[in-house]
């Protein structure tokens, strides 16, 4: 089992039974877990503790999970995993639009939850970049697509000379597109290569992340190919 003793998870869940059982399960896997029972307490603990990953329930008293996710995203790119009791489409979409990286439906199997957490943490820790693998213009260290410049080694993105702040999942998605410019990538390929899913995941996480990415790098930079997937325009 990988060493998780240095990883802190903030769990925000108002149901005491679920909060205790999830915290105990994660601690058995070696994670350090701090908890909060409502959104405002969760926001305060986030600001004090700066956890490595956040696990947020959607339905919270005071400040709900969607609002909490938005507040956290104002200052942090830490991985966020949302929990929804029903798997309701509106809950899922709202959480992903607010900046969450992924979601699980309660009750969730511990093994599945831990697998999702490990996947999020791997995505937040980038492997060594492979400069020059994309075929955009520019120098080998920097890939240029119109007004967009990507430095794979420094993990930096610029638009019109201004640095663009991307969350880890958004950056991994952009790097995946940049390695295959002009090539259509289907959603299952993106789920496998970007989200690190070893199983079929919900394609909505791809669609919503593409939407967030477009807002930051330009709506026309990532093109939708209906019925197939997405591609980065040269």
C-alpha atoms as a PDB file:
ATOM      1  CA  UNK A   1       0.000   0.000   0.000  1.00  0.00           C
ATOM      2  CA  UNK A   2       1.427   3.446  -0.905  1.00  0.00           C
ATOM      3  CA  UNK A   3       2.482   5.707   1.959  1.00  0.00           C
ATOM      4  CA  UNK A   4      -0.451   8.035   2.602  1.00  0.00           C
ATOM      5  CA  UNK A   5       0.575   9.226   6.058  1.00  0.00           C
ATOM      6  CA  UNK A   6       1.512  12.677   4.782  1.00  0.00           C
ATOM      7  CA  UNK A   7      -1.800  13.182   2.936  1.00  0.00           C
ATOM      8  CA  UNK A   8      -4.506  15.181   4.708  1.00  0.00           C
ATOM      9  CA  UNK A   9      -8.143  14.851   3.650  1.00  0.00           C
ATOM     10  CA  UNK A  10     -10.800  17.314   4.794  1.00  0.00           C
ATOM     11  CA  UNK A  11     -14.177  15.566   4.981  1.00  0.00           C
ATOM     12  CA  UNK A  12     -17.227  17.850   5.197  1.00  0.00           C
ATOM     13  CA  UNK A  13     -20.354  15.802   5.905  1.00  0.00           C
ATOM     14  CA  UNK A  14     -23.323  16.674   8.142  1.00  0.00           C
ATOM     15  CA  UNK A  15     -24.481  13.095   8.788  1.00  0.00           C
ATOM     16  CA  UNK A  16     -22.551  12.017  11.874  1.00  0.00           C
ATOM     17  CA  UNK A  17     -22.711   8.285  11.114  1.00  0.00           C
ATOM     18  CA  UNK A  18     -21.423   8.741   7.551  1.00  0.00           C
ATOM     19  CA  UNK A  19     -18.811  11.251   8.692  1.00  0.00           C
ATOM     20  CA  UNK A  20     -17.393   8.890  11.309  1.00  0.00           C
ATOM     21  CA  UNK A  21     -17.501   5.769   9.128  1.00  0.00           C
ATOM     22  CA  UNK A  22     -15.833   7.453   6.124  1.00  0.00           C
ATOM     23  CA  UNK A  23     -13.188   9.067   8.335  1.00  0.00           C
ATOM     24  CA  UNK A  24     -12.380   5.729  10.012  1.00  0.00           C
ATOM     25  CA  UNK A  25     -12.212   3.960   6.645  1.00  0.00           C
ATOM     26  CA  UNK A  26      -9.795   6.531   5.217  1.00  0.00           C
ATOM     27  CA  UNK A  27      -7.671   6.452   8.367  1.00  0.00           C
ATOM     28  CA  UNK A  28      -7.362   2.663   7.994  1.00  0.00           C
ATOM     29  CA  UNK A  29      -5.805   3.360   4.594  1.00  0.00           C
ATOM     30  CA  UNK A  30      -3.318   5.703   6.258  1.00  0.00           C
ATOM     31  CA  UNK A  31      -4.830   9.092   5.433  1.00  0.00           C
ATOM     32  CA  UNK A  32      -4.937  11.868   7.990  1.00  0.00           C
ATOM     33  CA  UNK A  33      -8.545  13.021   8.147  1.00  0.00           C
ATOM     34  CA  UNK A  34     -10.025  16.221   9.552  1.00  0.00           C
ATOM     35  CA  UNK A  35     -13.788  16.685   9.566  1.00  0.00           C
ATOM     36  CA  UNK A  36     -16.474  19.344   9.621  1.00  0.00           C
ATOM     37  CA  UNK A  37     -20.248  19.041   9.943  1.00  0.00           C
ATOM     38  CA  UNK A  38     -21.342  22.109   7.957  1.00  0.00           C
ATOM     39  CA  UNK A  39     -20.138  24.265   5.091  1.00  0.00           C
ATOM     40  CA  UNK A  40     -18.986  27.287   7.060  1.00  0.00           C
ATOM     41  CA  UNK A  41     -16.993  25.154   9.514  1.00  0.00           C
ATOM     42  CA  UNK A  42     -15.562  23.317   6.525  1.00  0.00           C
ATOM     43  CA  UNK A  43     -14.447  26.597   4.941  1.00  0.00           C
ATOM     44  CA  UNK A  44     -12.767  27.660   8.176  1.00  0.00           C
ATOM     45  CA  UNK A  45     -10.974  24.321   8.537  1.00  0.00           C
ATOM     46  CA  UNK A  46      -9.867  24.500   4.913  1.00  0.00           C
ATOM     47  CA  UNK A  47      -8.333  27.938   5.495  1.00  0.00           C
ATOM     48  CA  UNK A  48      -6.618  26.786   8.685  1.00  0.00           C
ATOM     49  CA  UNK A  49      -5.394  23.346   7.588  1.00  0.00           C
ATOM     50  CA  UNK A  50      -4.893  23.641   3.795  1.00  0.00           C
ATOM     51  CA  UNK A  51      -5.624  19.933   3.197  1.00  0.00           C
ATOM     52  CA  UNK A  52      -4.267  17.983   0.241  1.00  0.00           C
ATOM     53  CA  UNK A  53      -7.758  16.879  -0.843  1.00  0.00           C
ATOM     54  CA  UNK A  54     -11.346  17.759   0.021  1.00  0.00           C
ATOM     55  CA  UNK A  55     -14.301  15.392   0.210  1.00  0.00           C
ATOM     56  CA  UNK A  56     -17.512  17.447   0.233  1.00  0.00           C
ATOM     57  CA  UNK A  57     -21.119  16.396   0.662  1.00  0.00           C
ATOM     58  CA  UNK A  58     -23.516  18.289  -1.620  1.00  0.00           C
ATOM     59  CA  UNK A  59     -26.274  18.795   0.967  1.00  0.00           C
ATOM     60  CA  UNK A  60     -24.775  20.706   3.897  1.00  0.00           C
ATOM     61  CA  UNK A  61     -26.369  23.080   6.409  1.00  0.00           C
ATOM     62  CA  UNK A  62     -25.462  26.760   6.208  1.00  0.00           C
ATOM     63  CA  UNK A  63     -23.177  26.820   3.185  1.00  0.00           C
ATOM     64  CA  UNK A  64     -23.937  23.860   0.922  1.00  0.00           C
ATOM     65  CA  UNK A  65     -21.294  21.770  -0.802  1.00  0.00           C
ATOM     66  CA  UNK A  66     -21.660  23.584  -4.125  1.00  0.00           C
ATOM     67  CA  UNK A  67     -21.165  26.977  -2.518  1.00  0.00           C
ATOM     68  CA  UNK A  68     -18.268  25.655  -0.445  1.00  0.00           C
ATOM     69  CA  UNK A  69     -16.621  24.277  -3.571  1.00  0.00           C
ATOM     70  CA  UNK A  70     -16.917  27.684  -5.282  1.00  0.00           C
ATOM     71  CA  UNK A  71     -15.417  29.478  -2.264  1.00  0.00           C
ATOM     72  CA  UNK A  72     -12.478  27.057  -2.138  1.00  0.00           C
ATOM     73  CA  UNK A  73     -11.851  27.418  -5.877  1.00  0.00           C
ATOM     74  CA  UNK A  74     -11.399  31.183  -5.413  1.00  0.00           C
ATOM     75  CA  UNK A  75      -8.027  30.543  -3.754  1.00  0.00           C
ATOM     76  CA  UNK A  76      -7.079  26.897  -4.248  1.00  0.00           C
ATOM     77  CA  UNK A  77      -6.602  24.212  -6.898  1.00  0.00           C
ATOM     78  CA  UNK A  78      -6.632  21.368  -4.352  1.00  0.00           C
ATOM     79  CA  UNK A  79      -8.459  18.263  -5.624  1.00  0.00           C
ATOM     80  CA  UNK A  80     -12.159  18.231  -4.705  1.00  0.00           C
ATOM     81  CA  UNK A  81     -14.330  15.111  -4.699  1.00  0.00           C
ATOM     82  CA  UNK A  82     -18.076  15.708  -4.283  1.00  0.00           C
ATOM     83  CA  UNK A  83     -20.470  13.235  -2.648  1.00  0.00           C
ATOM     84  CA  UNK A  84     -24.106  13.122  -3.748  1.00  0.00           C
ATOM     85  CA  UNK A  85     -26.725  11.022  -1.977  1.00  0.00           C
ATOM     86  CA  UNK A  86     -28.845  10.535  -5.085  1.00  0.00           C
ATOM     87  CA  UNK A  87     -26.486  10.934  -7.988  1.00  0.00           C
ATOM     88  CA  UNK A  88     -28.984  13.527  -9.199  1.00  0.00           C
ATOM     89  CA  UNK A  89     -27.895  15.035 -12.521  1.00  0.00           C
ATOM     90  CA  UNK A  90     -28.384  18.573 -11.226  1.00  0.00           C
ATOM     91  CA  UNK A  91     -26.217  17.883  -8.155  1.00  0.00           C
ATOM     92  CA  UNK A  92     -23.491  16.307 -10.271  1.00  0.00           C
ATOM     93  CA  UNK A  93     -23.454  19.022 -12.929  1.00  0.00           C
ATOM     94  CA  UNK A  94     -23.608  21.828 -10.361  1.00  0.00           C
ATOM     95  CA  UNK A  95     -20.679  20.366  -8.432  1.00  0.00           C
ATOM     96  CA  UNK A  96     -18.533  19.931 -11.525  1.00  0.00           C
ATOM     97  CA  UNK A  97     -19.410  23.423 -12.783  1.00  0.00           C
ATOM     98  CA  UNK A  98     -18.402  24.824  -9.391  1.00  0.00           C
ATOM     99  CA  UNK A  99     -14.921  23.389  -9.869  1.00  0.00           C
ATOM    100  CA  UNK A 100     -15.059  19.871  -8.415  1.00  0.00           C
ATOM    101  CA  UNK A 101     -12.772  17.337 -10.077  1.00  0.00           C
ATOM    102  CA  UNK A 102     -14.972  14.281  -9.646  1.00  0.00           C
ATOM    103  CA  UNK A 103     -17.930  12.906  -7.703  1.00  0.00           C
ATOM    104  CA  UNK A 104     -19.166   9.711  -6.049  1.00  0.00           C
ATOM    105  CA  UNK A 105     -22.692   8.612  -5.174  1.00  0.00           C
ATOM    106  CA  UNK A 106     -23.514   7.680  -1.575  1.00  0.00           C
ATOM    107  CA  UNK A 107     -23.459   5.102  -0.187  1.00  0.00           C
ATOM    108  CA  UNK A 108     -20.034   4.563  -1.681  1.00  0.00           C
ATOM    109  CA  UNK A 109     -17.914   1.438  -1.386  1.00  0.00           C
ATOM    110  CA  UNK A 110     -14.709   2.199   0.523  1.00  0.00           C
ATOM    111  CA  UNK A 111     -12.500   0.625  -2.137  1.00  0.00           C
ATOM    112  CA  UNK A 112     -14.104   2.788  -4.843  1.00  0.00           C
ATOM    113  CA  UNK A 113     -13.747   5.924  -2.711  1.00  0.00           C
ATOM    114  CA  UNK A 114     -10.072   5.241  -2.025  1.00  0.00           C
ATOM    115  CA  UNK A 115      -9.459   4.515  -5.709  1.00  0.00           C
ATOM    116  CA  UNK A 116     -11.006   7.867  -6.653  1.00  0.00           C
ATOM    117  CA  UNK A 117      -8.944   9.674  -4.020  1.00  0.00           C
ATOM    118  CA  UNK A 118      -5.717   8.041  -5.230  1.00  0.00           C
ATOM    119  CA  UNK A 119      -6.584   8.976  -8.804  1.00  0.00           C
ATOM    120  CA  UNK A 120      -7.182  12.620  -7.825  1.00  0.00           C
ATOM    121  CA  UNK A 121      -3.924  12.784  -5.898  1.00  0.00           C
ATOM    122  CA  UNK A 122      -1.991  11.311  -8.832  1.00  0.00           C
ATOM    123  CA  UNK A 123      -3.513  13.909 -11.152  1.00  0.00           C
ATOM    124  CA  UNK A 124      -2.506  16.674  -8.756  1.00  0.00           C
ATOM    125  CA  UNK A 125       1.109  15.424  -8.797  1.00  0.00           C
ATOM    126  CA  UNK A 126       2.264  15.736 -12.378  1.00  0.00           C
ATOM    127  CA  UNK A 127       4.787  13.289 -13.838  1.00  0.00           C
ATOM    128  CA  UNK A 128       7.859  14.681 -15.604  1.00  0.00           C
ATOM    129  CA  UNK A 129       6.703  16.547 -18.686  1.00  0.00           C
ATOM    130  CA  UNK A 130       7.569  15.450 -22.183  1.00  0.00           C
ATOM    131  CA  UNK A 131       8.538  18.684 -23.935  1.00  0.00           C
ATOM    132  CA  UNK A 132       8.036  18.810 -27.664  1.00  0.00           C
ATOM    133  CA  UNK A 133       5.627  15.865 -27.876  1.00  0.00           C
ATOM    134  CA  UNK A 134       2.907  18.115 -29.249  1.00  0.00           C
ATOM    135  CA  UNK A 135       3.048  19.494 -32.747  1.00  0.00           C
ATOM    136  CA  UNK A 136       2.130  23.112 -32.174  1.00  0.00           C
ATOM    137  CA  UNK A 137       4.403  25.889 -33.370  1.00  0.00           C
ATOM    138  CA  UNK A 138       7.052  27.527 -31.160  1.00  0.00           C
ATOM    139  CA  UNK A 139      10.230  26.305 -29.492  1.00  0.00           C
ATOM    140  CA  UNK A 140      10.636  22.698 -28.277  1.00  0.00           C
ATOM    141  CA  UNK A 141       9.991  23.881 -24.704  1.00  0.00           C
ATOM    142  CA  UNK A 142       6.883  25.889 -25.543  1.00  0.00           C
ATOM    143  CA  UNK A 143       3.919  24.870 -27.687  1.00  0.00           C
ATOM    144  CA  UNK A 144       1.935  27.639 -29.346  1.00  0.00           C
ATOM    145  CA  UNK A 145      -1.622  27.384 -30.620  1.00  0.00           C
ATOM    146  CA  UNK A 146      -2.763  30.811 -31.785  1.00  0.00           C
ATOM    147  CA  UNK A 147      -2.822  33.098 -28.749  1.00  0.00           C
ATOM    148  CA  UNK A 148      -2.248  30.127 -26.441  1.00  0.00           C
ATOM    149  CA  UNK A 149       1.256  29.136 -25.282  1.00  0.00           C
ATOM    150  CA  UNK A 150       1.959  26.015 -23.216  1.00  0.00           C
ATOM    151  CA  UNK A 151       5.210  25.275 -21.410  1.00  0.00           C
ATOM    152  CA  UNK A 152       4.987  21.510 -20.639  1.00  0.00           C
ATOM    153  CA  UNK A 153       8.184  21.475 -18.567  1.00  0.00           C
ATOM    154  CA  UNK A 154       7.225  24.380 -16.313  1.00  0.00           C
ATOM    155  CA  UNK A 155       3.517  23.411 -16.368  1.00  0.00           C
ATOM    156  CA  UNK A 156       2.606  26.973 -17.297  1.00  0.00           C
ATOM    157  CA  UNK A 157      -0.032  28.247 -19.710  1.00  0.00           C
ATOM    158  CA  UNK A 158      -0.246  31.729 -21.215  1.00  0.00           C
ATOM    159  CA  UNK A 159      -2.934  33.435 -23.245  1.00  0.00           C
ATOM    160  CA  UNK A 160      -2.003  36.656 -25.011  1.00  0.00           C
ATOM    161  CA  UNK A 161       1.088  36.761 -22.785  1.00  0.00           C
ATOM    162  CA  UNK A 162      -0.907  36.560 -19.551  1.00  0.00           C
ATOM    163  CA  UNK A 163      -0.502  33.479 -17.376  1.00  0.00           C
ATOM    164  CA  UNK A 164      -3.664  31.373 -17.055  1.00  0.00           C
ATOM    165  CA  UNK A 165      -4.368  29.683 -13.718  1.00  0.00           C
ATOM    166  CA  UNK A 166      -5.618  26.155 -14.300  1.00  0.00           C
ATOM    167  CA  UNK A 167      -6.688  23.543 -11.784  1.00  0.00           C
ATOM    168  CA  UNK A 168      -4.628  20.309 -11.975  1.00  0.00           C
ATOM    169  CA  UNK A 169      -7.302  18.389 -13.877  1.00  0.00           C
ATOM    170  CA  UNK A 170      -7.790  21.254 -16.330  1.00  0.00           C
ATOM    171  CA  UNK A 171      -4.043  21.410 -16.919  1.00  0.00           C
ATOM    172  CA  UNK A 172      -3.763  17.660 -17.464  1.00  0.00           C
ATOM    173  CA  UNK A 173      -6.652  17.844 -19.924  1.00  0.00           C
ATOM    174  CA  UNK A 174      -4.992  20.668 -21.853  1.00  0.00           C
ATOM    175  CA  UNK A 175      -1.663  18.819 -21.930  1.00  0.00           C
ATOM    176  CA  UNK A 176      -3.419  15.732 -23.279  1.00  0.00           C
ATOM    177  CA  UNK A 177      -4.954  17.818 -26.069  1.00  0.00           C
ATOM    178  CA  UNK A 178      -1.608  19.523 -26.747  1.00  0.00           C
ATOM    179  CA  UNK A 179       0.098  16.160 -27.216  1.00  0.00           C
ATOM    180  CA  UNK A 180      -2.461  15.319 -29.922  1.00  0.00           C
ATOM    181  CA  UNK A 181      -3.250  18.639 -31.672  1.00  0.00           C
ATOM    182  CA  UNK A 182      -5.868  18.355 -34.388  1.00  0.00           C
ATOM    183  CA  UNK A 183      -6.657  14.755 -33.366  1.00  0.00           C
ATOM    184  CA  UNK A 184     -10.116  13.949 -32.034  1.00  0.00           C
ATOM    185  CA  UNK A 185      -9.988  12.384 -28.560  1.00  0.00           C
ATOM    186  CA  UNK A 186     -13.103  10.568 -27.415  1.00  0.00           C
ATOM    187  CA  UNK A 187     -14.418  10.871 -23.887  1.00  0.00           C
ATOM    188  CA  UNK A 188     -13.395   7.375 -22.789  1.00  0.00           C
ATOM    189  CA  UNK A 189      -9.821   8.030 -23.901  1.00  0.00           C
ATOM    190  CA  UNK A 190      -9.803  11.261 -21.906  1.00  0.00           C
ATOM    191  CA  UNK A 191     -11.287   9.528 -18.855  1.00  0.00           C
ATOM    192  CA  UNK A 192      -8.533   6.925 -19.053  1.00  0.00           C
ATOM    193  CA  UNK A 193      -5.590   9.253 -19.735  1.00  0.00           C
ATOM    194  CA  UNK A 194      -6.601  12.348 -17.741  1.00  0.00           C
ATOM    195  CA  UNK A 195      -8.899  11.061 -15.000  1.00  0.00           C
ATOM    196  CA  UNK A 196      -6.914   7.828 -14.624  1.00  0.00           C
ATOM    197  CA  UNK A 197     -10.062   5.710 -14.663  1.00  0.00           C
ATOM    198  CA  UNK A 198      -9.447   2.004 -15.048  1.00  0.00           C
ATOM    199  CA  UNK A 199     -13.173   1.601 -15.654  1.00  0.00           C
ATOM    200  CA  UNK A 200     -15.882   3.416 -17.573  1.00  0.00           C
ATOM    201  CA  UNK A 201     -16.519   6.741 -15.852  1.00  0.00           C
ATOM    202  CA  UNK A 202     -19.213   9.368 -16.242  1.00  0.00           C
ATOM    203  CA  UNK A 203     -18.496  11.379 -19.392  1.00  0.00           C
ATOM    204  CA  UNK A 204     -20.095  14.427 -17.784  1.00  0.00           C
ATOM    205  CA  UNK A 205     -16.864  15.059 -15.889  1.00  0.00           C
ATOM    206  CA  UNK A 206     -15.117  15.440 -19.252  1.00  0.00           C
ATOM    207  CA  UNK A 207     -17.754  17.730 -20.739  1.00  0.00           C
ATOM    208  CA  UNK A 208     -17.848  20.010 -17.704  1.00  0.00           C
ATOM    209  CA  UNK A 209     -14.056  20.199 -17.444  1.00  0.00           C
ATOM    210  CA  UNK A 210     -13.866  21.098 -21.152  1.00  0.00           C
ATOM    211  CA  UNK A 211     -16.383  23.886 -20.486  1.00  0.00           C
ATOM    212  CA  UNK A 212     -14.273  25.256 -17.624  1.00  0.00           C
ATOM    213  CA  UNK A 213     -11.133  25.008 -19.749  1.00  0.00           C
ATOM    214  CA  UNK A 214     -12.762  26.902 -22.624  1.00  0.00           C
ATOM    215  CA  UNK A 215     -13.651  29.786 -20.317  1.00  0.00           C
ATOM    216  CA  UNK A 216      -9.959  30.169 -19.475  1.00  0.00           C
ATOM    217  CA  UNK A 217      -8.197  29.530 -22.792  1.00  0.00           C
ATOM    218  CA  UNK A 218     -10.854  30.655 -25.273  1.00  0.00           C
ATOM    219  CA  UNK A 219     -14.159  29.125 -26.300  1.00  0.00           C
ATOM    220  CA  UNK A 220     -12.977  28.315 -29.828  1.00  0.00           C
ATOM    221  CA  UNK A 221      -9.667  26.679 -28.857  1.00  0.00           C
ATOM    222  CA  UNK A 222     -11.166  23.263 -28.017  1.00  0.00           C
ATOM    223  CA  UNK A 223     -13.493  22.090 -30.767  1.00  0.00           C
ATOM    224  CA  UNK A 224     -16.403  19.686 -30.288  1.00  0.00           C
ATOM    225  CA  UNK A 225     -16.645  16.956 -32.909  1.00  0.00           C
ATOM    226  CA  UNK A 226     -20.228  15.778 -32.514  1.00  0.00           C
ATOM    227  CA  UNK A 227     -20.624  12.095 -31.837  1.00  0.00           C
ATOM    228  CA  UNK A 228     -16.879  11.593 -31.335  1.00  0.00           C
ATOM    229  CA  UNK A 229     -15.225  13.907 -28.802  1.00  0.00           C
ATOM    230  CA  UNK A 230     -12.944  16.951 -28.716  1.00  0.00           C
ATOM    231  CA  UNK A 231      -9.790  18.235 -30.348  1.00  0.00           C
ATOM    232  CA  UNK A 232      -7.403  21.145 -29.823  1.00  0.00           C
ATOM    233  CA  UNK A 233      -7.392  23.505 -32.765  1.00  0.00           C
ATOM    234  CA  UNK A 234      -3.972  24.213 -34.205  1.00  0.00           C
END
